[in-house]
Amino acid sequence: MLLINHINDPQTKAFAKHCLEEKTAEQLRAAAKKQPDEGVISEWGITEGQYEEAIAAALAELEA
């Protein structure tokens, strides 16, 4: 989790770890191509940018 550990915001990091543990690379690639999920953003208390950062970090970890 080298890339995820570089995320500074604790909530963004927690969401990235959740994505890494619960999502497949295919699901993360699909999420990265769409608009950020407003329900997820609200649930996790993160911004659109933080959502995108977490998705990208989790995907990079899975593909590394």
C-alpha atoms as a PDB file:
ATOM      1  CA  MET A   1       0.000   0.000   0.000  1.00  0.00           C
ATOM      2  CA  LEU A   2       2.879   2.295  -0.742  1.00  0.00           C
ATOM      3  CA  LEU A   3       0.830   4.690  -2.885  1.00  0.00           C
ATOM      4  CA  ILE A   4      -2.138   4.762  -0.530  1.00  0.00           C
ATOM      5  CA  ASN A   5       0.142   5.497   2.409  1.00  0.00           C
ATOM      6  CA  HIS A   6       1.248   8.708   0.657  1.00  0.00           C
ATOM      7  CA  ILE A   7      -2.278  10.125   0.843  1.00  0.00           C
ATOM      8  CA  ASN A   8      -2.273  12.827   3.509  1.00  0.00           C
ATOM      9  CA  ASP A   9      -5.967  13.111   4.335  1.00  0.00           C
ATOM     10  CA  PRO A  10      -7.010  10.318   6.742  1.00  0.00           C
ATOM     11  CA  GLN A  11     -10.534   9.979   5.342  1.00  0.00           C
ATOM     12  CA  THR A  12      -9.282   9.799   1.752  1.00  0.00           C
ATOM     13  CA  LYS A  13      -6.713   7.214   2.796  1.00  0.00           C
ATOM     14  CA  ALA A  14      -9.411   5.152   4.543  1.00  0.00           C
ATOM     15  CA  PHE A  15     -11.593   5.252   1.425  1.00  0.00           C
ATOM     16  CA  ALA A  16      -8.641   4.228  -0.765  1.00  0.00           C
ATOM     17  CA  LYS A  17      -7.929   1.266   1.524  1.00  0.00           C
ATOM     18  CA  HIS A  18     -11.598   0.308   1.401  1.00  0.00           C
ATOM     19  CA  CYS A  19     -11.500   0.407  -2.401  1.00  0.00           C
ATOM     20  CA  LEU A  20      -8.335  -1.692  -2.488  1.00  0.00           C
ATOM     21  CA  GLU A  21      -9.899  -4.331  -0.234  1.00  0.00           C
ATOM     22  CA  GLU A  22     -13.422  -4.373  -1.667  1.00  0.00           C
ATOM     23  CA  LYS A  23     -13.182  -3.527  -5.378  1.00  0.00           C
ATOM     24  CA  THR A  24     -11.657  -5.191  -8.401  1.00  0.00           C
ATOM     25  CA  ALA A  25      -9.363  -3.411 -10.832  1.00  0.00           C
ATOM     26  CA  GLU A  26     -12.184  -3.502 -13.376  1.00  0.00           C
ATOM     27  CA  GLN A  27     -14.598  -1.818 -10.956  1.00  0.00           C
ATOM     28  CA  LEU A  28     -12.029   0.855 -10.123  1.00  0.00           C
ATOM     29  CA  ARG A  29     -11.255   1.527 -13.795  1.00  0.00           C
ATOM     30  CA  ALA A  30     -14.982   1.973 -14.423  1.00  0.00           C
ATOM     31  CA  ALA A  31     -15.308   4.306 -11.420  1.00  0.00           C
ATOM     32  CA  ALA A  32     -12.366   6.374 -12.632  1.00  0.00           C
ATOM     33  CA  LYS A  33     -14.069   6.951 -15.994  1.00  0.00           C
ATOM     34  CA  LYS A  34     -17.358   8.154 -14.499  1.00  0.00           C
ATOM     35  CA  GLN A  35     -18.336  11.197 -12.524  1.00  0.00           C
ATOM     36  CA  PRO A  36     -17.586  10.709  -8.825  1.00  0.00           C
ATOM     37  CA  ASP A  37     -20.404   8.934  -7.000  1.00  0.00           C
ATOM     38  CA  GLU A  38     -22.198  11.576  -4.927  1.00  0.00           C
ATOM     39  CA  GLY A  39     -23.548   8.956  -2.526  1.00  0.00           C
ATOM     40  CA  VAL A  40     -20.071   7.648  -1.799  1.00  0.00           C
ATOM     41  CA  ILE A  41     -18.693  11.168  -1.452  1.00  0.00           C
ATOM     42  CA  SER A  42     -21.393  12.016   1.076  1.00  0.00           C
ATOM     43  CA  GLU A  43     -21.054   8.735   2.949  1.00  0.00           C
ATOM     44  CA  TRP A  44     -17.284   9.025   3.300  1.00  0.00           C
ATOM     45  CA  GLY A  45     -17.226  12.802   3.858  1.00  0.00           C
ATOM     46  CA  ILE A  46     -14.734  13.458   1.060  1.00  0.00           C
ATOM     47  CA  THR A  47     -14.586  15.814  -1.908  1.00  0.00           C
ATOM     48  CA  GLU A  48     -14.729  14.868  -5.587  1.00  0.00           C
ATOM     49  CA  GLY A  49     -10.976  15.382  -5.811  1.00  0.00           C
ATOM     50  CA  GLN A  50     -10.365  13.141  -2.827  1.00  0.00           C
ATOM     51  CA  TYR A  51     -12.650  10.486  -4.355  1.00  0.00           C
ATOM     52  CA  GLU A  52     -10.650  10.595  -7.585  1.00  0.00           C
ATOM     53  CA  GLU A  53      -7.342  10.481  -5.697  1.00  0.00           C
ATOM     54  CA  ALA A  54      -8.455   7.441  -3.688  1.00  0.00           C
ATOM     55  CA  ILE A  55      -9.748   5.571  -6.729  1.00  0.00           C
ATOM     56  CA  ALA A  56      -6.526   6.264  -8.657  1.00  0.00           C
ATOM     57  CA  ALA A  57      -4.314   5.177  -5.744  1.00  0.00           C
ATOM     58  CA  ALA A  58      -6.274   1.962  -5.146  1.00  0.00           C
ATOM     59  CA  LEU A  59      -6.217   1.127  -8.852  1.00  0.00           C
ATOM     60  CA  ALA A  60      -2.475   1.772  -9.067  1.00  0.00           C
ATOM     61  CA  GLU A  61      -1.917  -0.514  -6.061  1.00  0.00           C
ATOM     62  CA  LEU A  62      -3.932  -3.309  -7.664  1.00  0.00           C
ATOM     63  CA  GLU A  63      -2.116  -2.979 -10.972  1.00  0.00           C
ATOM     64  CA  ALA A  64       1.388  -2.712  -9.453  1.00  0.00           C
END
